[in-house]
Amino acid sequence: IARVVVGALDPNPLVAGQGCAQLREAGTVVETGVLEEG
């Protein structure tokens, strides 16, 4: 997958931004906050 668009970050301490960070470190384009309120 080349690009990942995320609605909301996971508040679970086991994730909490680490999932997005891991993808970015591997070269995947990650964007967050799309329709975040919903």
PDB file of all heavy atoms in Angstrom:
ATOM      1  N   ILE A   1       0.854  -1.194   0.000  1.00  0.00           N
ATOM      2  CA  ILE A   1       0.000   0.000   0.000  1.00  0.00           C
ATOM      3  C   ILE A   1       0.887   1.239   0.000  1.00  0.00           C
ATOM      4  O   ILE A   1       1.797   1.368   0.825  1.00  0.00           O
ATOM      5  CB  ILE A   1      -0.935   0.012   1.216  1.00  0.00           C
ATOM      6  CG1 ILE A   1      -1.854  -1.209   1.229  1.00  0.00           C
ATOM      7  CG2 ILE A   1      -1.739   1.303   1.253  1.00  0.00           C
ATOM      8  CD1 ILE A   1      -2.879  -1.239   0.152  1.00  0.00           C
ATOM      9  N   ALA A   2       0.637   2.171  -0.923  1.00  0.00           N
ATOM     10  CA  ALA A   2       1.493   3.350  -1.054  1.00  0.00           C
ATOM     11  C   ALA A   2       1.079   4.491  -0.137  1.00  0.00           C
ATOM     12  O   ALA A   2       1.929   5.277   0.306  1.00  0.00           O
ATOM     13  CB  ALA A   2       1.492   3.827  -2.506  1.00  0.00           C
ATOM     14  N   ARG A   3      -0.208   4.597   0.138  1.00  0.00           N
ATOM     15  CA  ARG A   3      -0.732   5.743   0.904  1.00  0.00           C
ATOM     16  C   ARG A   3      -1.815   5.241   1.844  1.00  0.00           C
ATOM     17  O   ARG A   3      -2.677   4.449   1.454  1.00  0.00           O
ATOM     18  CB  ARG A   3      -1.274   6.808  -0.040  1.00  0.00           C
ATOM     19  CG  ARG A   3      -1.892   8.032   0.608  1.00  0.00           C
ATOM     20  CD  ARG A   3      -2.200   9.078  -0.462  1.00  0.00           C
ATOM     21  NE  ARG A   3      -2.879  10.253   0.071  1.00  0.00           N
ATOM     22  CZ  ARG A   3      -4.170  10.528  -0.122  1.00  0.00           C
ATOM     23  NH1 ARG A   3      -4.932   9.695  -0.863  1.00  0.00           N
ATOM     24  NH2 ARG A   3      -4.704  11.622   0.405  1.00  0.00           N
ATOM     25  N   VAL A   4      -1.797   5.722   3.082  1.00  0.00           N
ATOM     26  CA  VAL A   4      -2.805   5.365   4.070  1.00  0.00           C
ATOM     27  C   VAL A   4      -3.438   6.645   4.598  1.00  0.00           C
ATOM     28  O   VAL A   4      -2.736   7.543   5.070  1.00  0.00           O
ATOM     29  CB  VAL A   4      -2.208   4.548   5.234  1.00  0.00           C
ATOM     30  CG1 VAL A   4      -3.284   4.267   6.290  1.00  0.00           C
ATOM     31  CG2 VAL A   4      -1.617   3.240   4.725  1.00  0.00           C
ATOM     32  N   VAL A   5      -4.756   6.732   4.504  1.00  0.00           N
ATOM     33  CA  VAL A   5      -5.515   7.875   5.011  1.00  0.00           C
ATOM     34  C   VAL A   5      -6.292   7.413   6.232  1.00  0.00           C
ATOM     35  O   VAL A   5      -7.103   6.490   6.147  1.00  0.00           O
ATOM     36  CB  VAL A   5      -6.454   8.442   3.939  1.00  0.00           C
ATOM     37  CG1 VAL A   5      -7.229   9.641   4.488  1.00  0.00           C
ATOM     38  CG2 VAL A   5      -5.673   8.838   2.694  1.00  0.00           C
ATOM     39  N   VAL A   6      -6.040   8.052   7.368  1.00  0.00           N
ATOM     40  CA  VAL A   6      -6.599   7.642   8.652  1.00  0.00           C
ATOM     41  C   VAL A   6      -7.602   8.677   9.133  1.00  0.00           C
ATOM     42  O   VAL A   6      -7.333   9.884   9.079  1.00  0.00           O
ATOM     43  CB  VAL A   6      -5.476   7.457   9.699  1.00  0.00           C
ATOM     44  CG1 VAL A   6      -6.061   7.128  11.074  1.00  0.00           C
ATOM     45  CG2 VAL A   6      -4.510   6.367   9.257  1.00  0.00           C
ATOM     46  N   GLY A   7      -8.732   8.196   9.628  1.00  0.00           N
ATOM     47  CA  GLY A   7      -9.727   9.110  10.176  1.00  0.00           C
ATOM     48  C   GLY A   7      -9.329   9.650  11.540  1.00  0.00           C
ATOM     49  O   GLY A   7      -9.205  10.853  11.747  1.00  0.00           O
ATOM     50  N   ALA A   8      -9.126   8.756  12.505  1.00  0.00           N
ATOM     51  CA  ALA A   8      -8.794   9.151  13.877  1.00  0.00           C
ATOM     52  C   ALA A   8      -7.663   8.276  14.398  1.00  0.00           C
ATOM     53  O   ALA A   8      -7.567   7.094  14.055  1.00  0.00           O
ATOM     54  CB  ALA A   8     -10.012   9.030  14.789  1.00  0.00           C
ATOM     55  N   LEU A   9      -6.820   8.851  15.222  1.00  0.00           N
ATOM     56  CA  LEU A   9      -5.769   8.087  15.880  1.00  0.00           C
ATOM     57  C   LEU A   9      -6.364   7.231  16.980  1.00  0.00           C
ATOM     58  O   LEU A   9      -7.361   7.589  17.604  1.00  0.00           O
ATOM     59  CB  LEU A   9      -4.703   9.022  16.446  1.00  0.00           C
ATOM     60  CG  LEU A   9      -3.923   9.870  15.432  1.00  0.00           C
ATOM     61  CD1 LEU A   9      -2.897  10.746  16.147  1.00  0.00           C
ATOM     62  CD2 LEU A   9      -3.237   8.994  14.390  1.00  0.00           C
ATOM     63  N   ASP A  10      -5.737   6.093  17.241  1.00  0.00           N
ATOM     64  CA  ASP A  10      -6.208   5.141  18.242  1.00  0.00           C
ATOM     65  C   ASP A  10      -5.690   5.549  19.619  1.00  0.00           C
ATOM     66  O   ASP A  10      -4.478   5.664  19.810  1.00  0.00           O
ATOM     67  CB  ASP A  10      -5.713   3.736  17.879  1.00  0.00           C
ATOM     68  CG  ASP A  10      -6.366   2.643  18.715  1.00  0.00           C
ATOM     69  OD1 ASP A  10      -6.886   2.937  19.811  1.00  0.00           O
ATOM     70  OD2 ASP A  10      -6.352   1.467  18.265  1.00  0.00           O
ATOM     71  N   PRO A  11      -6.581   5.770  20.616  1.00  0.00           N
ATOM     72  CA  PRO A  11      -6.116   6.150  21.954  1.00  0.00           C
ATOM     73  C   PRO A  11      -5.524   4.997  22.755  1.00  0.00           C
ATOM     74  O   PRO A  11      -4.981   5.217  23.833  1.00  0.00           O
ATOM     75  CB  PRO A  11      -7.395   6.675  22.623  1.00  0.00           C
ATOM     76  CG  PRO A  11      -8.501   5.907  21.966  1.00  0.00           C
ATOM     77  CD  PRO A  11      -8.057   5.705  20.535  1.00  0.00           C
ATOM     78  N   ASN A  12      -5.651   3.770  22.249  1.00  0.00           N
ATOM     79  CA  ASN A  12      -5.088   2.618  22.941  1.00  0.00           C
ATOM     80  C   ASN A  12      -3.585   2.832  23.125  1.00  0.00           C
ATOM     81  O   ASN A  12      -2.860   3.054  22.152  1.00  0.00           O
ATOM     82  CB  ASN A  12      -5.343   1.349  22.138  1.00  0.00           C
ATOM     83  CG  ASN A  12      -4.945   0.087  22.872  1.00  0.00           C
ATOM     84  OD1 ASN A  12      -4.122   0.093  23.796  1.00  0.00           O
ATOM     85  ND2 ASN A  12      -5.515  -1.033  22.474  1.00  0.00           N
ATOM     86  N   PRO A  13      -3.060   2.775  24.359  1.00  0.00           N
ATOM     87  CA  PRO A  13      -1.624   2.999  24.578  1.00  0.00           C
ATOM     88  C   PRO A  13      -0.738   2.063  23.766  1.00  0.00           C
ATOM     89  O   PRO A  13       0.420   2.401  23.485  1.00  0.00           O
ATOM     90  CB  PRO A  13      -1.458   2.751  26.079  1.00  0.00           C
ATOM     91  CG  PRO A  13      -2.812   3.003  26.665  1.00  0.00           C
ATOM     92  CD  PRO A  13      -3.784   2.552  25.627  1.00  0.00           C
ATOM     93  N   LEU A  14      -1.255   0.902  23.372  1.00  0.00           N
ATOM     94  CA  LEU A  14      -0.475  -0.027  22.563  1.00  0.00           C
ATOM     95  C   LEU A  14      -0.323   0.455  21.126  1.00  0.00           C
ATOM     96  O   LEU A  14       0.494  -0.084  20.367  1.00  0.00           O
ATOM     97  CB  LEU A  14      -1.117  -1.414  22.577  1.00  0.00           C
ATOM     98  CG  LEU A  14      -1.172  -2.126  23.934  1.00  0.00           C
ATOM     99  CD1 LEU A  14      -1.954  -3.428  23.822  1.00  0.00           C
ATOM    100  CD2 LEU A  14       0.237  -2.392  24.456  1.00  0.00           C
ATOM    101  N   VAL A  15      -1.138   1.450  20.739  1.00  0.00           N
ATOM    102  CA  VAL A  15      -1.066   2.011  19.388  1.00  0.00           C
ATOM    103  C   VAL A  15      -0.701   3.488  19.497  1.00  0.00           C
ATOM    104  O   VAL A  15       0.433   3.861  19.310  1.00  0.00           O
ATOM    105  CB  VAL A  15      -2.395   1.811  18.624  1.00  0.00           C
ATOM    106  CG1 VAL A  15      -2.259   2.312  17.190  1.00  0.00           C
ATOM    107  CG2 VAL A  15      -2.829   0.349  18.655  1.00  0.00           C
ATOM    108  N   ALA A  16      -1.683   4.328  19.780  1.00  0.00           N
ATOM    109  CA  ALA A  16      -1.489   5.747  20.097  1.00  0.00           C
ATOM    110  C   ALA A  16      -0.448   6.439  19.226  1.00  0.00           C
ATOM    111  O   ALA A  16       0.547   6.990  19.712  1.00  0.00           O
ATOM    112  CB  ALA A  16      -1.130   5.909  21.584  1.00  0.00           C
ATOM    113  N   GLY A  17      -0.625   6.404  17.923  1.00  0.00           N
ATOM    114  CA  GLY A  17       0.288   7.057  17.001  1.00  0.00           C
ATOM    115  C   GLY A  17       1.419   6.178  16.507  1.00  0.00           C
ATOM    116  O   GLY A  17       2.076   6.510  15.508  1.00  0.00           O
ATOM    117  N   GLN A  18       1.652   5.069  17.175  1.00  0.00           N
ATOM    118  CA  GLN A  18       2.754   4.200  16.788  1.00  0.00           C
ATOM    119  C   GLN A  18       2.483   3.480  15.467  1.00  0.00           C
ATOM    120  O   GLN A  18       3.410   3.185  14.711  1.00  0.00           O
ATOM    121  CB  GLN A  18       3.030   3.181  17.887  1.00  0.00           C
ATOM    122  CG  GLN A  18       3.428   3.799  19.218  1.00  0.00           C
ATOM    123  CD  GLN A  18       3.589   2.756  20.308  1.00  0.00           C
ATOM    124  OE1 GLN A  18       4.473   1.901  20.240  1.00  0.00           O
ATOM    125  NE2 GLN A  18       2.729   2.817  21.314  1.00  0.00           N
ATOM    126  N   GLY A  19       1.204   3.180  15.195  1.00  0.00           N
ATOM    127  CA  GLY A  19       0.872   2.533  13.941  1.00  0.00           C
ATOM    128  C   GLY A  19       1.209   3.418  12.752  1.00  0.00           C
ATOM    129  O   GLY A  19       1.838   2.967  11.780  1.00  0.00           O
ATOM    130  N   CYS A  20       0.818   4.690  12.825  1.00  0.00           N
ATOM    131  CA  CYS A  20       1.140   5.635  11.757  1.00  0.00           C
ATOM    132  C   CYS A  20       2.645   5.845  11.651  1.00  0.00           C
ATOM    133  O   CYS A  20       3.195   5.920  10.541  1.00  0.00           O
ATOM    134  CB  CYS A  20       0.436   6.971  12.006  1.00  0.00           C
ATOM    135  SG  CYS A  20      -1.371   6.914  11.786  1.00  0.00           S
ATOM    136  N   ALA A  21       3.335   5.937  12.789  1.00  0.00           N
ATOM    137  CA  ALA A  21       4.781   6.141  12.781  1.00  0.00           C
ATOM    138  C   ALA A  21       5.493   4.969  12.111  1.00  0.00           C
ATOM    139  O   ALA A  21       6.445   5.165  11.337  1.00  0.00           O
ATOM    140  CB  ALA A  21       5.291   6.341  14.201  1.00  0.00           C
ATOM    141  N   GLN A  22       5.032   3.763  12.401  1.00  0.00           N
ATOM    142  CA  GLN A  22       5.653   2.580  11.805  1.00  0.00           C
ATOM    143  C   GLN A  22       5.488   2.580  10.288  1.00  0.00           C
ATOM    144  O   GLN A  22       6.430   2.237   9.552  1.00  0.00           O
ATOM    145  CB  GLN A  22       5.028   1.323  12.412  1.00  0.00           C
ATOM    146  CG  GLN A  22       5.736   0.038  12.033  1.00  0.00           C
ATOM    147  CD  GLN A  22       5.107  -1.170  12.699  1.00  0.00           C
ATOM    148  OE1 GLN A  22       4.388  -1.958  12.095  1.00  0.00           O
ATOM    149  NE2 GLN A  22       5.356  -1.324  13.964  1.00  0.00           N
ATOM    150  N   LEU A  23       4.317   2.957   9.807  1.00  0.00           N
ATOM    151  CA  LEU A  23       4.085   3.005   8.370  1.00  0.00           C
ATOM    152  C   LEU A  23       4.957   4.074   7.709  1.00  0.00           C
ATOM    153  O   LEU A  23       5.528   3.854   6.635  1.00  0.00           O
ATOM    154  CB  LEU A  23       2.612   3.273   8.089  1.00  0.00           C
ATOM    155  CG  LEU A  23       1.630   2.157   8.489  1.00  0.00           C
ATOM    156  CD1 LEU A  23       0.193   2.639   8.337  1.00  0.00           C
ATOM    157  CD2 LEU A  23       1.866   0.907   7.659  1.00  0.00           C
ATOM    158  N   ARG A  24       5.048   5.232   8.346  1.00  0.00           N
ATOM    159  CA  ARG A  24       5.864   6.314   7.785  1.00  0.00           C
ATOM    160  C   ARG A  24       7.328   5.914   7.727  1.00  0.00           C
ATOM    161  O   ARG A  24       8.026   6.192   6.734  1.00  0.00           O
ATOM    162  CB  ARG A  24       5.692   7.581   8.616  1.00  0.00           C
ATOM    163  CG  ARG A  24       4.331   8.261   8.466  1.00  0.00           C
ATOM    164  CD  ARG A  24       4.337   9.629   9.128  1.00  0.00           C
ATOM    165  NE  ARG A  24       3.062  10.335   8.956  1.00  0.00           N
ATOM    166  CZ  ARG A  24       2.179  10.491   9.917  1.00  0.00           C
ATOM    167  NH1 ARG A  24       2.390   9.972  11.134  1.00  0.00           N
ATOM    168  NH2 ARG A  24       1.045  11.129   9.669  1.00  0.00           N
ATOM    169  N   GLU A  25       7.817   5.271   8.772  1.00  0.00           N
ATOM    170  CA  GLU A  25       9.211   4.840   8.793  1.00  0.00           C
ATOM    171  C   GLU A  25       9.520   3.868   7.664  1.00  0.00           C
ATOM    172  O   GLU A  25      10.647   3.806   7.169  1.00  0.00           O
ATOM    173  CB  GLU A  25       9.536   4.202  10.146  1.00  0.00           C
ATOM    174  CG  GLU A  25       9.580   5.192  11.304  1.00  0.00           C
ATOM    175  CD  GLU A  25       9.701   4.504  12.644  1.00  0.00           C
ATOM    176  OE1 GLU A  25       9.792   3.243  12.654  1.00  0.00           O
ATOM    177  OE2 GLU A  25       9.700   5.199  13.689  1.00  0.00           O
ATOM    178  N   ALA A  26       8.506   3.114   7.245  1.00  0.00           N
ATOM    179  CA  ALA A  26       8.695   2.153   6.158  1.00  0.00           C
ATOM    180  C   ALA A  26       8.517   2.789   4.783  1.00  0.00           C
ATOM    181  O   ALA A  26       8.635   2.099   3.759  1.00  0.00           O
ATOM    182  CB  ALA A  26       7.721   0.993   6.312  1.00  0.00           C
ATOM    183  N   GLY A  27       8.240   4.107   4.733  1.00  0.00           N
ATOM    184  CA  GLY A  27       8.120   4.806   3.466  1.00  0.00           C
ATOM    185  C   GLY A  27       6.705   5.003   2.962  1.00  0.00           C
ATOM    186  O   GLY A  27       6.502   5.554   1.875  1.00  0.00           O
ATOM    187  N   THR A  28       5.695   4.588   3.721  1.00  0.00           N
ATOM    188  CA  THR A  28       4.302   4.767   3.324  1.00  0.00           C
ATOM    189  C   THR A  28       3.864   6.193   3.624  1.00  0.00           C
ATOM    190  O   THR A  28       4.155   6.735   4.691  1.00  0.00           O
ATOM    191  CB  THR A  28       3.393   3.785   4.076  1.00  0.00           C
ATOM    192  OG1 THR A  28       3.860   2.453   3.890  1.00  0.00           O
ATOM    193  CG2 THR A  28       1.959   3.895   3.588  1.00  0.00           C
ATOM    194  N   VAL A  29       3.164   6.813   2.687  1.00  0.00           N
ATOM    195  CA  VAL A  29       2.597   8.134   2.924  1.00  0.00           C
ATOM    196  C   VAL A  29       1.380   7.978   3.821  1.00  0.00           C
ATOM    197  O   VAL A  29       0.464   7.206   3.517  1.00  0.00           O
ATOM    198  CB  VAL A  29       2.197   8.802   1.595  1.00  0.00           C
ATOM    199  CG1 VAL A  29       1.518  10.145   1.860  1.00  0.00           C
ATOM    200  CG2 VAL A  29       3.414   8.975   0.703  1.00  0.00           C
ATOM    201  N   VAL A  30       1.362   8.694   4.933  1.00  0.00           N
ATOM    202  CA  VAL A  30       0.265   8.594   5.894  1.00  0.00           C
ATOM    203  C   VAL A  30      -0.327   9.974   6.127  1.00  0.00           C
ATOM    204  O   VAL A  30       0.401  10.928   6.420  1.00  0.00           O
ATOM    205  CB  VAL A  30       0.739   7.996   7.233  1.00  0.00           C
ATOM    206  CG1 VAL A  30      -0.432   7.934   8.226  1.00  0.00           C
ATOM    207  CG2 VAL A  30       1.329   6.610   7.033  1.00  0.00           C
ATOM    208  N   GLU A  31      -1.626  10.091   5.997  1.00  0.00           N
ATOM    209  CA  GLU A  31      -2.349  11.326   6.291  1.00  0.00           C
ATOM    210  C   GLU A  31      -3.439  11.023   7.301  1.00  0.00           C
ATOM    211  O   GLU A  31      -4.085   9.970   7.232  1.00  0.00           O
ATOM    212  CB  GLU A  31      -2.936  11.919   5.016  1.00  0.00           C
ATOM    213  CG  GLU A  31      -1.878  12.291   3.987  1.00  0.00           C
ATOM    214  CD  GLU A  31      -2.455  12.909   2.738  1.00  0.00           C
ATOM    215  OE1 GLU A  31      -3.508  13.581   2.863  1.00  0.00           O
ATOM    216  OE2 GLU A  31      -1.877  12.731   1.649  1.00  0.00           O
ATOM    217  N   THR A  32      -3.658  11.914   8.233  1.00  0.00           N
ATOM    218  CA  THR A  32      -4.610  11.695   9.314  1.00  0.00           C
ATOM    219  C   THR A  32      -5.626  12.834   9.397  1.00  0.00           C
ATOM    220  O   THR A  32      -5.433  13.898   8.807  1.00  0.00           O
ATOM    221  CB  THR A  32      -3.890  11.567  10.666  1.00  0.00           C
ATOM    222  OG1 THR A  32      -3.210  12.799  10.966  1.00  0.00           O
ATOM    223  CG2 THR A  32      -2.869  10.432  10.641  1.00  0.00           C
ATOM    224  N   GLY A  33      -6.703  12.583  10.128  1.00  0.00           N
ATOM    225  CA  GLY A  33      -7.672  13.624  10.424  1.00  0.00           C
ATOM    226  C   GLY A  33      -8.753  13.837   9.387  1.00  0.00           C
ATOM    227  O   GLY A  33      -9.489  14.819   9.468  1.00  0.00           O
ATOM    228  N   VAL A  34      -8.914  12.937   8.428  1.00  0.00           N
ATOM    229  CA  VAL A  34      -9.975  13.062   7.427  1.00  0.00           C
ATOM    230  C   VAL A  34     -11.289  12.574   8.034  1.00  0.00           C
ATOM    231  O   VAL A  34     -11.386  11.431   8.491  1.00  0.00           O
ATOM    232  CB  VAL A  34      -9.634  12.268   6.154  1.00  0.00           C
ATOM    233  CG1 VAL A  34     -10.789  12.319   5.167  1.00  0.00           C
ATOM    234  CG2 VAL A  34      -8.359  12.809   5.522  1.00  0.00           C
ATOM    235  N   LEU A  35     -12.282  13.448   8.094  1.00  0.00           N
ATOM    236  CA  LEU A  35     -13.564  13.184   8.763  1.00  0.00           C
ATOM    237  C   LEU A  35     -13.332  12.698  10.201  1.00  0.00           C
ATOM    238  O   LEU A  35     -14.005  11.793  10.692  1.00  0.00           O
ATOM    239  CB  LEU A  35     -14.398  12.160   7.982  1.00  0.00           C
ATOM    240  CG  LEU A  35     -14.817  12.549   6.560  1.00  0.00           C
ATOM    241  CD1 LEU A  35     -15.775  11.476   5.999  1.00  0.00           C
ATOM    242  CD2 LEU A  35     -15.478  13.904   6.517  1.00  0.00           C
ATOM    243  N   GLU A  36     -12.393  13.354  10.847  1.00  0.00           N
ATOM    244  CA  GLU A  36     -11.987  12.913  12.180  1.00  0.00           C
ATOM    245  C   GLU A  36     -13.134  12.956  13.181  1.00  0.00           C
ATOM    246  O   GLU A  36     -13.297  12.022  13.975  1.00  0.00           O
ATOM    247  CB  GLU A  36     -10.830  13.772  12.696  1.00  0.00           C
ATOM    248  CG  GLU A  36     -10.321  13.336  14.071  1.00  0.00           C
ATOM    249  CD  GLU A  36      -9.134  14.146  14.536  1.00  0.00           C
ATOM    250  OE1 GLU A  36      -8.772  15.129  13.844  1.00  0.00           O
ATOM    251  OE2 GLU A  36      -8.546  13.805  15.582  1.00  0.00           O
ATOM    252  N   GLU A  37     -13.939  14.029  13.169  1.00  0.00           N
ATOM    253  CA  GLU A  37     -15.020  14.136  14.139  1.00  0.00           C
ATOM    254  C   GLU A  37     -15.997  12.967  14.005  1.00  0.00           C
ATOM    255  O   GLU A  37     -16.415  12.371  14.995  1.00  0.00           O
ATOM    256  CB  GLU A  37     -15.760  15.458  13.980  1.00  0.00           C
ATOM    257  CG  GLU A  37     -16.856  15.669  15.024  1.00  0.00           C
ATOM    258  CD  GLU A  37     -17.518  17.024  14.933  1.00  0.00           C
ATOM    259  OE1 GLU A  37     -17.086  17.836  14.101  1.00  0.00           O
ATOM    260  OE2 GLU A  37     -18.466  17.274  15.689  1.00  0.00           O
ATOM    261  N   GLY A  38     -16.359  12.631  12.764  1.00  0.00           N
ATOM    262  CA  GLY A  38     -17.259  11.510  12.550  1.00  0.00           C
ATOM    263  C   GLY A  38     -16.645  10.193  12.975  1.00  0.00           C
ATOM    264  O   GLY A  38     -17.324   9.328  13.536  1.00  0.00           O
TER     265      GLY A  38
END
